[in-house]
Amino acid sequence: MAKYRDRLNIIADILGVAGSGAKKTRIMYVANLSYGLLEKYLDETVGLGFLRFDGDRYAVTEKGQEFLEKYSAFSRRNSVVEKKFRSISFEREALKRMCELPRAVKAKTGNGRKR
């Protein structure tokens, strides 16, 4: 199953591909975007000043490089938090299972019977 990418992920992917220069087709394939999404995000990233268009290539600007650095730091911290969250969720489920009556006990006590 494909992992959902939000706007920040897509912009970071485009900037990562563009580096010091890349053509539109290369960005589209490496960033795994449809042509329509590529056009939308290229317009947006150029408009934001993250990319510049030099003839037939797109290149990352200083502002775009700054975004990539900040995004990378954020991404590392976010990954740690997500791992902790998954661990805490697992612990919560284990605690919930501990609070469930075994099926045999439910049958004896009449829990689950319709009245």
PDB file of N, CA and C in Angstrom:
ATOM      1  N   MET A   1       0.847  -1.177   0.000  1.00  0.00           N
ATOM      2  CA  MET A   1       0.000   0.000   0.000  1.00  0.00           C
ATOM      3  C   MET A   1       0.892   1.240   0.000  1.00  0.00           C
ATOM      4  N   ALA A   2       0.566   2.176  -0.830  1.00  0.00           N
ATOM      5  CA  ALA A   2       1.370   3.387  -0.953  1.00  0.00           C
ATOM      6  C   ALA A   2       1.191   4.266   0.278  1.00  0.00           C
ATOM      7  N   LYS A   3       2.248   4.918   0.661  1.00  0.00           N
ATOM      8  CA  LYS A   3       2.200   5.812   1.798  1.00  0.00           C
ATOM      9  C   LYS A   3       1.742   7.187   1.323  1.00  0.00           C
ATOM     10  N   TYR A   4       0.806   7.771   2.051  1.00  0.00           N
ATOM     11  CA  TYR A   4       0.281   9.080   1.729  1.00  0.00           C
ATOM     12  C   TYR A   4       1.358  10.139   1.954  1.00  0.00           C
ATOM     13  N   ARG A   5       1.500  11.043   0.996  1.00  0.00           N
ATOM     14  CA  ARG A   5       2.435  12.159   1.147  1.00  0.00           C
ATOM     15  C   ARG A   5       1.638  13.449   1.209  1.00  0.00           C
ATOM     16  N   ASP A   6       1.954  14.268   2.177  1.00  0.00           N
ATOM     17  CA  ASP A   6       1.289  15.555   2.251  1.00  0.00           C
ATOM     18  C   ASP A   6       2.082  16.597   1.462  1.00  0.00           C
ATOM     19  N   ARG A   7       1.584  17.808   1.481  1.00  0.00           N
ATOM     20  CA  ARG A   7       2.174  18.902   0.710  1.00  0.00           C
ATOM     21  C   ARG A   7       3.654  19.102   1.040  1.00  0.00           C
ATOM     22  N   LEU A   8       3.995  19.093   2.326  1.00  0.00           N
ATOM     23  CA  LEU A   8       5.390  19.291   2.733  1.00  0.00           C
ATOM     24  C   LEU A   8       6.292  18.199   2.167  1.00  0.00           C
ATOM     25  N   ASN A   9       5.834  16.943   2.239  1.00  0.00           N
ATOM     26  CA  ASN A   9       6.619  15.832   1.705  1.00  0.00           C
ATOM     27  C   ASN A   9       6.863  15.984   0.210  1.00  0.00           C
ATOM     28  N   ILE A  10       5.826  16.375  -0.512  1.00  0.00           N
ATOM     29  CA  ILE A  10       5.941  16.514  -1.962  1.00  0.00           C
ATOM     30  C   ILE A  10       6.904  17.646  -2.318  1.00  0.00           C
ATOM     31  N   ILE A  11       6.770  18.768  -1.631  1.00  0.00           N
ATOM     32  CA  ILE A  11       7.679  19.885  -1.898  1.00  0.00           C
ATOM     33  C   ILE A  11       9.121  19.483  -1.590  1.00  0.00           C
ATOM     34  N   ALA A  12       9.335  18.810  -0.481  1.00  0.00           N
ATOM     35  CA  ALA A  12      10.690  18.365  -0.125  1.00  0.00           C
ATOM     36  C   ALA A  12      11.230  17.378  -1.163  1.00  0.00           C
ATOM     37  N   ASP A  13      10.379  16.480  -1.653  1.00  0.00           N
ATOM     38  CA  ASP A  13      10.810  15.526  -2.684  1.00  0.00           C
ATOM     39  C   ASP A  13      11.231  16.252  -3.958  1.00  0.00           C
ATOM     40  N   ILE A  14      10.445  17.240  -4.357  1.00  0.00           N
ATOM     41  CA  ILE A  14      10.768  18.002  -5.574  1.00  0.00           C
ATOM     42  C   ILE A  14      12.094  18.737  -5.405  1.00  0.00           C
ATOM     43  N   LEU A  15      12.255  19.410  -4.273  1.00  0.00           N
ATOM     44  CA  LEU A  15      13.497  20.148  -4.041  1.00  0.00           C
ATOM     45  C   LEU A  15      14.698  19.207  -3.964  1.00  0.00           C
ATOM     46  N   GLY A  16      14.491  18.038  -3.377  1.00  0.00           N
ATOM     47  CA  GLY A  16      15.568  17.053  -3.295  1.00  0.00           C
ATOM     48  C   GLY A  16      16.019  16.572  -4.662  1.00  0.00           C
ATOM     49  N   VAL A  17      15.081  16.412  -5.565  1.00  0.00           N
ATOM     50  CA  VAL A  17      15.405  15.971  -6.920  1.00  0.00           C
ATOM     51  C   VAL A  17      16.066  17.097  -7.705  1.00  0.00           C
ATOM     52  N   ALA A  18      15.524  18.302  -7.559  1.00  0.00           N
ATOM     53  CA  ALA A  18      16.017  19.424  -8.363  1.00  0.00           C
ATOM     54  C   ALA A  18      17.467  19.768  -8.042  1.00  0.00           C
ATOM     55  N   GLY A  19      17.849  19.676  -6.773  1.00  0.00           N
ATOM     56  CA  GLY A  19      19.230  19.941  -6.386  1.00  0.00           C
ATOM     57  C   GLY A  19      19.830  21.127  -7.117  1.00  0.00           C
ATOM     58  N   SER A  20      20.896  20.880  -7.849  1.00  0.00           N
ATOM     59  CA  SER A  20      21.557  21.961  -8.588  1.00  0.00           C
ATOM     60  C   SER A  20      21.026  22.076 -10.014  1.00  0.00           C
ATOM     61  N   GLY A  21      20.053  21.248 -10.358  1.00  0.00           N
ATOM     62  CA  GLY A  21      19.439  21.362 -11.673  1.00  0.00           C
ATOM     63  C   GLY A  21      18.849  20.059 -12.156  1.00  0.00           C
ATOM     64  N   ALA A  22      17.590  20.103 -12.575  1.00  0.00           N
ATOM     65  CA  ALA A  22      16.922  18.919 -13.115  1.00  0.00           C
ATOM     66  C   ALA A  22      15.816  19.364 -14.051  1.00  0.00           C
ATOM     67  N   LYS A  23      15.612  18.578 -15.090  1.00  0.00           N
ATOM     68  CA  LYS A  23      14.518  18.851 -16.022  1.00  0.00           C
ATOM     69  C   LYS A  23      13.204  18.365 -15.416  1.00  0.00           C
ATOM     70  N   LYS A  24      12.134  18.904 -15.987  1.00  0.00           N
ATOM     71  CA  LYS A  24      10.792  18.613 -15.512  1.00  0.00           C
ATOM     72  C   LYS A  24      10.502  17.106 -15.485  1.00  0.00           C
ATOM     73  N   THR A  25      10.893  16.409 -16.536  1.00  0.00           N
ATOM     74  CA  THR A  25      10.613  14.972 -16.626  1.00  0.00           C
ATOM     75  C   THR A  25      11.306  14.191 -15.511  1.00  0.00           C
ATOM     76  N   ARG A  26      12.549  14.539 -15.235  1.00  0.00           N
ATOM     77  CA  ARG A  26      13.284  13.862 -14.162  1.00  0.00           C
ATOM     78  C   ARG A  26      12.613  14.098 -12.810  1.00  0.00           C
ATOM     79  N   ILE A  27      12.221  15.331 -12.557  1.00  0.00           N
ATOM     80  CA  ILE A  27      11.538  15.645 -11.295  1.00  0.00           C
ATOM     81  C   ILE A  27      10.254  14.831 -11.186  1.00  0.00           C
ATOM     82  N   MET A  28       9.496  14.763 -12.268  1.00  0.00           N
ATOM     83  CA  MET A  28       8.233  14.040 -12.269  1.00  0.00           C
ATOM     84  C   MET A  28       8.433  12.563 -11.912  1.00  0.00           C
ATOM     85  N   TYR A  29       9.413  11.921 -12.542  1.00  0.00           N
ATOM     86  CA  TYR A  29       9.631  10.488 -12.305  1.00  0.00           C
ATOM     87  C   TYR A  29      10.250  10.201 -10.949  1.00  0.00           C
ATOM     88  N   VAL A  30      11.266  10.934 -10.567  1.00  0.00           N
ATOM     89  CA  VAL A  30      11.943  10.652  -9.297  1.00  0.00           C
ATOM     90  C   VAL A  30      11.061  11.022  -8.112  1.00  0.00           C
ATOM     91  N   ALA A  31      10.312  12.117  -8.225  1.00  0.00           N
ATOM     92  CA  ALA A  31       9.410  12.521  -7.140  1.00  0.00           C
ATOM     93  C   ALA A  31       8.086  11.750  -7.183  1.00  0.00           C
ATOM     94  N   ASN A  32       7.909  10.922  -8.201  1.00  0.00           N
ATOM     95  CA  ASN A  32       6.727  10.071  -8.339  1.00  0.00           C
ATOM     96  C   ASN A  32       5.430  10.888  -8.341  1.00  0.00           C
ATOM     97  N   LEU A  33       5.361  11.820  -9.303  1.00  0.00           N
ATOM     98  CA  LEU A  33       4.191  12.681  -9.425  1.00  0.00           C
ATOM     99  C   LEU A  33       3.554  12.541 -10.804  1.00  0.00           C
ATOM    100  N   SER A  34       2.249  12.727 -10.853  1.00  0.00           N
ATOM    101  CA  SER A  34       1.570  12.799 -12.147  1.00  0.00           C
ATOM    102  C   SER A  34       1.952  14.129 -12.786  1.00  0.00           C
ATOM    103  N   TYR A  35       1.708  14.245 -14.071  1.00  0.00           N
ATOM    104  CA  TYR A  35       2.056  15.484 -14.756  1.00  0.00           C
ATOM    105  C   TYR A  35       1.274  16.667 -14.181  1.00  0.00           C
ATOM    106  N   GLY A  36       0.005  16.436 -13.876  1.00  0.00           N
ATOM    107  CA  GLY A  36      -0.827  17.508 -13.321  1.00  0.00           C
ATOM    108  C   GLY A  36      -0.310  18.004 -11.977  1.00  0.00           C
ATOM    109  N   LEU A  37       0.028  17.063 -11.088  1.00  0.00           N
ATOM    110  CA  LEU A  37       0.576  17.453  -9.788  1.00  0.00           C
ATOM    111  C   LEU A  37       1.943  18.109  -9.936  1.00  0.00           C
ATOM    112  N   LEU A  38       2.749  17.609 -10.856  1.00  0.00           N
ATOM    113  CA  LEU A  38       4.061  18.213 -11.103  1.00  0.00           C
ATOM    114  C   LEU A  38       3.904  19.679 -11.481  1.00  0.00           C
ATOM    115  N   GLU A  39       3.009  19.958 -12.434  1.00  0.00           N
ATOM    116  CA  GLU A  39       2.786  21.334 -12.874  1.00  0.00           C
ATOM    117  C   GLU A  39       2.346  22.217 -11.709  1.00  0.00           C
ATOM    118  N   LYS A  40       1.415  21.706 -10.919  1.00  0.00           N
ATOM    119  CA  LYS A  40       0.900  22.464  -9.775  1.00  0.00           C
ATOM    120  C   LYS A  40       2.031  22.800  -8.803  1.00  0.00           C
ATOM    121  N   TYR A  41       2.810  21.795  -8.435  1.00  0.00           N
ATOM    122  CA  TYR A  41       3.855  22.000  -7.428  1.00  0.00           C
ATOM    123  C   TYR A  41       5.061  22.760  -7.967  1.00  0.00           C
ATOM    124  N   LEU A  42       5.372  22.625  -9.233  1.00  0.00           N
ATOM    125  CA  LEU A  42       6.457  23.430  -9.798  1.00  0.00           C
ATOM    126  C   LEU A  42       6.076  24.906  -9.779  1.00  0.00           C
ATOM    127  N   ASP A  43       4.847  25.203 -10.186  1.00  0.00           N
ATOM    128  CA  ASP A  43       4.383  26.592 -10.130  1.00  0.00           C
ATOM    129  C   ASP A  43       4.449  27.129  -8.700  1.00  0.00           C
ATOM    130  N   GLU A  44       4.016  26.293  -7.771  1.00  0.00           N
ATOM    131  CA  GLU A  44       3.987  26.708  -6.367  1.00  0.00           C
ATOM    132  C   GLU A  44       5.398  26.926  -5.813  1.00  0.00           C
ATOM    133  N   THR A  45       6.300  25.991  -6.062  1.00  0.00           N
ATOM    134  CA  THR A  45       7.646  26.112  -5.508  1.00  0.00           C
ATOM    135  C   THR A  45       8.428  27.263  -6.148  1.00  0.00           C
ATOM    136  N   VAL A  46       8.196  27.510  -7.422  1.00  0.00           N
ATOM    137  CA  VAL A  46       8.817  28.678  -8.066  1.00  0.00           C
ATOM    138  C   VAL A  46       8.226  29.952  -7.465  1.00  0.00           C
ATOM    139  N   GLY A  47       6.915  29.967  -7.279  1.00  0.00           N
ATOM    140  CA  GLY A  47       6.245  31.122  -6.689  1.00  0.00           C
ATOM    141  C   GLY A  47       6.703  31.420  -5.273  1.00  0.00           C
ATOM    142  N   LEU A  48       7.005  30.380  -4.529  1.00  0.00           N
ATOM    143  CA  LEU A  48       7.493  30.544  -3.157  1.00  0.00           C
ATOM    144  C   LEU A  48       8.959  30.969  -3.106  1.00  0.00           C
ATOM    145  N   GLY A  49       9.618  30.867  -4.242  1.00  0.00           N
ATOM    146  CA  GLY A  49      11.036  31.211  -4.279  1.00  0.00           C
ATOM    147  C   GLY A  49      11.947  30.063  -3.881  1.00  0.00           C
ATOM    148  N   PHE A  50      11.413  28.836  -3.853  1.00  0.00           N
ATOM    149  CA  PHE A  50      12.209  27.655  -3.502  1.00  0.00           C
ATOM    150  C   PHE A  50      12.976  27.119  -4.708  1.00  0.00           C
ATOM    151  N   LEU A  51      12.415  27.304  -5.897  1.00  0.00           N
ATOM    152  CA  LEU A  51      13.037  26.855  -7.139  1.00  0.00           C
ATOM    153  C   LEU A  51      13.147  28.037  -8.093  1.00  0.00           C
ATOM    154  N   ARG A  52      14.117  27.950  -8.983  1.00  0.00           N
ATOM    155  CA  ARG A  52      14.198  28.908 -10.093  1.00  0.00           C
ATOM    156  C   ARG A  52      14.260  28.092 -11.378  1.00  0.00           C
ATOM    157  N   PHE A  53      13.754  28.672 -12.431  1.00  0.00           N
ATOM    158  CA  PHE A  53      13.752  28.008 -13.725  1.00  0.00           C
ATOM    159  C   PHE A  53      14.816  28.654 -14.589  1.00  0.00           C
ATOM    160  N   ASP A  54      15.816  27.870 -14.991  1.00  0.00           N
ATOM    161  CA  ASP A  54      16.927  28.359 -15.817  1.00  0.00           C
ATOM    162  C   ASP A  54      16.852  27.721 -17.203  1.00  0.00           C
ATOM    163  N   GLY A  55      16.074  28.284 -18.074  1.00  0.00           N
ATOM    164  CA  GLY A  55      15.975  27.759 -19.434  1.00  0.00           C
ATOM    165  C   GLY A  55      15.160  26.494 -19.507  1.00  0.00           C
ATOM    166  N   ASP A  56      15.815  25.345 -19.354  1.00  0.00           N
ATOM    167  CA  ASP A  56      15.092  24.074 -19.409  1.00  0.00           C
ATOM    168  C   ASP A  56      15.240  23.266 -18.123  1.00  0.00           C
ATOM    169  N   ARG A  57      15.860  23.857 -17.110  1.00  0.00           N
ATOM    170  CA  ARG A  57      16.086  23.149 -15.847  1.00  0.00           C
ATOM    171  C   ARG A  57      15.574  23.950 -14.656  1.00  0.00           C
ATOM    172  N   TYR A  58      15.199  23.209 -13.636  1.00  0.00           N
ATOM    173  CA  TYR A  58      14.818  23.816 -12.356  1.00  0.00           C
ATOM    174  C   TYR A  58      15.970  23.580 -11.389  1.00  0.00           C
ATOM    175  N   ALA A  59      16.260  24.599 -10.566  1.00  0.00           N
ATOM    176  CA  ALA A  59      17.326  24.485  -9.573  1.00  0.00           C
ATOM    177  C   ALA A  59      16.825  25.056  -8.248  1.00  0.00           C
ATOM    178  N   VAL A  60      17.330  24.504  -7.164  1.00  0.00           N
ATOM    179  CA  VAL A  60      16.933  24.940  -5.828  1.00  0.00           C
ATOM    180  C   VAL A  60      17.626  26.266  -5.504  1.00  0.00           C
ATOM    181  N   THR A  61      16.857  27.186  -4.954  1.00  0.00           N
ATOM    182  CA  THR A  61      17.401  28.479  -4.533  1.00  0.00           C
ATOM    183  C   THR A  61      17.930  28.363  -3.102  1.00  0.00           C
ATOM    184  N   GLU A  62      18.511  29.435  -2.621  1.00  0.00           N
ATOM    185  CA  GLU A  62      18.994  29.467  -1.232  1.00  0.00           C
ATOM    186  C   GLU A  62      17.819  29.282  -0.268  1.00  0.00           C
ATOM    187  N   LYS A  63      16.711  29.934  -0.578  1.00  0.00           N
ATOM    188  CA  LYS A  63      15.500  29.791   0.250  1.00  0.00           C
ATOM    189  C   LYS A  63      14.999  28.344   0.234  1.00  0.00           C
ATOM    190  N   GLY A  64      15.050  27.706  -0.925  1.00  0.00           N
ATOM    191  CA  GLY A  64      14.651  26.306  -1.034  1.00  0.00           C
ATOM    192  C   GLY A  64      15.570  25.388  -0.252  1.00  0.00           C
ATOM    193  N   GLN A  65      16.861  25.682  -0.276  1.00  0.00           N
ATOM    194  CA  GLN A  65      17.831  24.894   0.483  1.00  0.00           C
ATOM    195  C   GLN A  65      17.579  25.038   1.982  1.00  0.00           C
ATOM    196  N   GLU A  66      17.251  26.259   2.411  1.00  0.00           N
ATOM    197  CA  GLU A  66      16.929  26.494   3.824  1.00  0.00           C
ATOM    198  C   GLU A  66      15.697  25.681   4.233  1.00  0.00           C
ATOM    199  N   PHE A  67      14.681  25.667   3.358  1.00  0.00           N
ATOM    200  CA  PHE A  67      13.490  24.858   3.632  1.00  0.00           C
ATOM    201  C   PHE A  67      13.862  23.385   3.776  1.00  0.00           C
ATOM    202  N   LEU A  68      14.679  22.883   2.848  1.00  0.00           N
ATOM    203  CA  LEU A  68      15.075  21.472   2.890  1.00  0.00           C
ATOM    204  C   LEU A  68      15.801  21.122   4.177  1.00  0.00           C
ATOM    205  N   GLU A  69      16.687  21.988   4.635  1.00  0.00           N
ATOM    206  CA  GLU A  69      17.419  21.739   5.879  1.00  0.00           C
ATOM    207  C   GLU A  69      16.472  21.699   7.072  1.00  0.00           C
ATOM    208  N   LYS A  70      15.552  22.662   7.132  1.00  0.00           N
ATOM    209  CA  LYS A  70      14.585  22.695   8.236  1.00  0.00           C
ATOM    210  C   LYS A  70      13.634  21.508   8.156  1.00  0.00           C
ATOM    211  N   TYR A  71      13.237  21.147   6.948  1.00  0.00           N
ATOM    212  CA  TYR A  71      12.344  19.995   6.775  1.00  0.00           C
ATOM    213  C   TYR A  71      13.033  18.707   7.216  1.00  0.00           C
ATOM    214  N   SER A  72      14.290  18.578   6.884  1.00  0.00           N
ATOM    215  CA  SER A  72      15.048  17.383   7.264  1.00  0.00           C
ATOM    216  C   SER A  72      15.132  17.242   8.782  1.00  0.00           C
ATOM    217  N   ALA A  73      15.420  18.341   9.470  1.00  0.00           N
ATOM    218  CA  ALA A  73      15.479  18.314  10.942  1.00  0.00           C
ATOM    219  C   ALA A  73      14.113  17.970  11.522  1.00  0.00           C
ATOM    220  N   PHE A  74      13.068  18.581  10.982  1.00  0.00           N
ATOM    221  CA  PHE A  74      11.704  18.284  11.427  1.00  0.00           C
ATOM    222  C   PHE A  74      11.369  16.819  11.208  1.00  0.00           C
ATOM    223  N   SER A  75      11.715  16.307  10.040  1.00  0.00           N
ATOM    224  CA  SER A  75      11.390  14.931   9.678  1.00  0.00           C
ATOM    225  C   SER A  75      12.039  13.933  10.642  1.00  0.00           C
ATOM    226  N   ARG A  76      13.279  14.200  11.014  1.00  0.00           N
ATOM    227  CA  ARG A  76      13.968  13.318  11.976  1.00  0.00           C
ATOM    228  C   ARG A  76      13.246  13.331  13.326  1.00  0.00           C
ATOM    229  N   ARG A  77      12.908  14.517  13.823  1.00  0.00           N
ATOM    230  CA  ARG A  77      12.211  14.618  15.116  1.00  0.00           C
ATOM    231  C   ARG A  77      10.831  13.979  15.040  1.00  0.00           C
ATOM    232  N   ASN A  78      10.127  14.206  13.938  1.00  0.00           N
ATOM    233  CA  ASN A  78       8.802  13.644  13.760  1.00  0.00           C
ATOM    234  C   ASN A  78       8.844  12.113  13.746  1.00  0.00           C
ATOM    235  N   SER A  79       9.858  11.553  13.144  1.00  0.00           N
ATOM    236  CA  SER A  79       9.995  10.104  13.092  1.00  0.00           C
ATOM    237  C   SER A  79      10.126   9.512  14.502  1.00  0.00           C
ATOM    238  N   VAL A  80      10.909  10.171  15.347  1.00  0.00           N
ATOM    239  CA  VAL A  80      11.082   9.718  16.731  1.00  0.00           C
ATOM    240  C   VAL A  80       9.750   9.769  17.475  1.00  0.00           C
ATOM    241  N   VAL A  81       9.021  10.857  17.304  1.00  0.00           N
ATOM    242  CA  VAL A  81       7.733  11.011  17.986  1.00  0.00           C
ATOM    243  C   VAL A  81       6.742   9.955  17.502  1.00  0.00           C
ATOM    244  N   GLU A  82       6.714   9.684  16.204  1.00  0.00           N
ATOM    245  CA  GLU A  82       5.792   8.670  15.674  1.00  0.00           C
ATOM    246  C   GLU A  82       6.111   7.289  16.228  1.00  0.00           C
ATOM    247  N   LYS A  83       7.388   6.957  16.359  1.00  0.00           N
ATOM    248  CA  LYS A  83       7.766   5.657  16.935  1.00  0.00           C
ATOM    249  C   LYS A  83       7.303   5.560  18.382  1.00  0.00           C
ATOM    250  N   LYS A  84       7.488   6.634  19.145  1.00  0.00           N
ATOM    251  CA  LYS A  84       7.039   6.637  20.540  1.00  0.00           C
ATOM    252  C   LYS A  84       5.528   6.508  20.614  1.00  0.00           C
ATOM    253  N   PHE A  85       4.826   7.190  19.729  1.00  0.00           N
ATOM    254  CA  PHE A  85       3.370   7.117  19.718  1.00  0.00           C
ATOM    255  C   PHE A  85       2.892   5.693  19.436  1.00  0.00           C
ATOM    256  N   ARG A  86       3.518   5.025  18.456  1.00  0.00           N
ATOM    257  CA  ARG A  86       3.141   3.632  18.149  1.00  0.00           C
ATOM    258  C   ARG A  86       3.383   2.732  19.357  1.00  0.00           C
ATOM    259  N   SER A  87       4.492   2.954  20.052  1.00  0.00           N
ATOM    260  CA  SER A  87       4.808   2.161  21.234  1.00  0.00           C
ATOM    261  C   SER A  87       3.771   2.376  22.333  1.00  0.00           C
ATOM    262  N   ILE A  88       3.409   3.626  22.558  1.00  0.00           N
ATOM    263  CA  ILE A  88       2.407   3.948  23.576  1.00  0.00           C
ATOM    264  C   ILE A  88       1.057   3.363  23.189  1.00  0.00           C
ATOM    265  N   SER A  89       0.706   3.417  21.927  1.00  0.00           N
ATOM    266  CA  SER A  89      -0.561   2.842  21.471  1.00  0.00           C
ATOM    267  C   SER A  89      -0.586   1.337  21.704  1.00  0.00           C
ATOM    268  N   PHE A  90       0.548   0.678  21.458  1.00  0.00           N
ATOM    269  CA  PHE A  90       0.641  -0.759  21.692  1.00  0.00           C
ATOM    270  C   PHE A  90       0.443  -1.066  23.175  1.00  0.00           C
ATOM    271  N   GLU A  91       1.083  -0.273  24.035  1.00  0.00           N
ATOM    272  CA  GLU A  91       0.934  -0.474  25.483  1.00  0.00           C
ATOM    273  C   GLU A  91      -0.517  -0.281  25.909  1.00  0.00           C
ATOM    274  N   ARG A  92      -1.186   0.715  25.348  1.00  0.00           N
ATOM    275  CA  ARG A  92      -2.586   0.966  25.677  1.00  0.00           C
ATOM    276  C   ARG A  92      -3.459  -0.230  25.294  1.00  0.00           C
ATOM    277  N   GLU A  93      -3.222  -0.779  24.115  1.00  0.00           N
ATOM    278  CA  GLU A  93      -3.997  -1.945  23.678  1.00  0.00           C
ATOM    279  C   GLU A  93      -3.752  -3.142  24.588  1.00  0.00           C
ATOM    280  N   ALA A  94      -2.510  -3.324  25.021  1.00  0.00           N
ATOM    281  CA  ALA A  94      -2.190  -4.426  25.943  1.00  0.00           C
ATOM    282  C   ALA A  94      -2.941  -4.242  27.259  1.00  0.00           C
ATOM    283  N   LEU A  95      -2.998  -3.020  27.756  1.00  0.00           N
ATOM    284  CA  LEU A  95      -3.736  -2.748  28.991  1.00  0.00           C
ATOM    285  C   LEU A  95      -5.228  -3.000  28.803  1.00  0.00           C
ATOM    286  N   LYS A  96      -5.768  -2.608  27.673  1.00  0.00           N
ATOM    287  CA  LYS A  96      -7.188  -2.847  27.404  1.00  0.00           C
ATOM    288  C   LYS A  96      -7.489  -4.348  27.373  1.00  0.00           C
ATOM    289  N   ARG A  97      -6.578  -5.132  26.756  1.00  0.00           N
ATOM    290  CA  ARG A  97      -6.781  -6.592  26.711  1.00  0.00           C
ATOM    291  C   ARG A  97      -6.750  -7.196  28.109  1.00  0.00           C
ATOM    292  N   MET A  98      -5.931  -6.631  28.986  1.00  0.00           N
ATOM    293  CA  MET A  98      -5.856  -7.138  30.359  1.00  0.00           C
ATOM    294  C   MET A  98      -7.172  -6.911  31.096  1.00  0.00           C
ATOM    295  N   CYS A  99      -7.943  -5.925  30.685  1.00  0.00           N
ATOM    296  CA  CYS A  99      -9.208  -5.594  31.350  1.00  0.00           C
ATOM    297  C   CYS A  99     -10.402  -6.352  30.777  1.00  0.00           C
ATOM    298  N   GLU A 100     -10.168  -7.213  29.803  1.00  0.00           N
ATOM    299  CA  GLU A 100     -11.257  -7.989  29.219  1.00  0.00           C
ATOM    300  C   GLU A 100     -11.412  -9.313  29.953  1.00  0.00           C
ATOM    301  N   LEU A 101     -12.656  -9.678  30.179  1.00  0.00           N
ATOM    302  CA  LEU A 101     -12.932 -10.980  30.787  1.00  0.00           C
ATOM    303  C   LEU A 101     -12.713 -12.071  29.751  1.00  0.00           C
ATOM    304  N   PRO A 102     -12.158 -13.193  30.174  1.00  0.00           N
ATOM    305  CA  PRO A 102     -12.038 -14.325  29.233  1.00  0.00           C
ATOM    306  C   PRO A 102     -13.434 -14.769  28.793  1.00  0.00           C
ATOM    307  N   ARG A 103     -13.534 -15.376  27.623  1.00  0.00           N
ATOM    308  CA  ARG A 103     -14.826 -15.793  27.073  1.00  0.00           C
ATOM    309  C   ARG A 103     -15.563 -16.762  28.001  1.00  0.00           C
ATOM    310  N   ALA A 104     -14.836 -17.686  28.607  1.00  0.00           N
ATOM    311  CA  ALA A 104     -15.467 -18.669  29.496  1.00  0.00           C
ATOM    312  C   ALA A 104     -16.131 -17.963  30.674  1.00  0.00           C
ATOM    313  N   VAL A 105     -15.497 -16.956  31.218  1.00  0.00           N
ATOM    314  CA  VAL A 105     -16.065 -16.225  32.345  1.00  0.00           C
ATOM    315  C   VAL A 105     -17.288 -15.436  31.885  1.00  0.00           C
ATOM    316  N   LYS A 106     -17.229 -14.861  30.707  1.00  0.00           N
ATOM    317  CA  LYS A 106     -18.369 -14.115  30.172  1.00  0.00           C
ATOM    318  C   LYS A 106     -19.589 -15.022  30.050  1.00  0.00           C
ATOM    319  N   ALA A 107     -19.374 -16.269  29.592  1.00  0.00           N
ATOM    320  CA  ALA A 107     -20.479 -17.208  29.404  1.00  0.00           C
ATOM    321  C   ALA A 107     -21.108 -17.572  30.749  1.00  0.00           C
ATOM    322  N   LYS A 108     -20.289 -17.784  31.790  1.00  0.00           N
ATOM    323  CA  LYS A 108     -20.798 -18.154  33.110  1.00  0.00           C
ATOM    324  C   LYS A 108     -21.566 -17.004  33.776  1.00  0.00           C
ATOM    325  N   THR A 109     -21.101 -15.796  33.586  1.00  0.00           N
ATOM    326  CA  THR A 109     -21.718 -14.647  34.255  1.00  0.00           C
ATOM    327  C   THR A 109     -22.903 -14.113  33.472  1.00  0.00           C
ATOM    328  N   GLY A 110     -23.064 -14.588  32.262  1.00  0.00           N
ATOM    329  CA  GLY A 110     -24.181 -14.137  31.454  1.00  0.00           C
ATOM    330  C   GLY A 110     -23.905 -12.858  30.685  1.00  0.00           C
ATOM    331  N   ASN A 111     -22.683 -12.364  30.739  1.00  0.00           N
ATOM    332  CA  ASN A 111     -22.342 -11.153  29.990  1.00  0.00           C
ATOM    333  C   ASN A 111     -22.449 -11.447  28.495  1.00  0.00           C
ATOM    334  N   GLY A 112     -23.004 -10.536  27.798  1.00  0.00           N
ATOM    335  CA  GLY A 112     -23.114 -10.698  26.368  1.00  0.00           C
ATOM    336  C   GLY A 112     -24.423 -11.319  25.934  1.00  0.00           C
ATOM    337  N   ARG A 113     -25.266 -11.788  26.910  1.00  0.00           N
ATOM    338  CA  ARG A 113     -26.563 -12.361  26.552  1.00  0.00           C
ATOM    339  C   ARG A 113     -27.589 -11.271  26.328  1.00  0.00           C
ATOM    340  N   LYS A 114     -28.456 -11.515  25.382  1.00  0.00           N
ATOM    341  CA  LYS A 114     -29.552 -10.581  25.121  1.00  0.00           C
ATOM    342  C   LYS A 114     -30.645 -10.802  26.157  1.00  0.00           C
ATOM    343  N   ARG A 115     -31.273  -9.756  26.582  1.00  0.00           N
ATOM    344  CA  ARG A 115     -32.352  -9.858  27.567  1.00  0.00           C
ATOM    345  C   ARG A 115     -33.685  -9.618  26.909  1.00  0.00           C
TER     346      ARG A 115
END
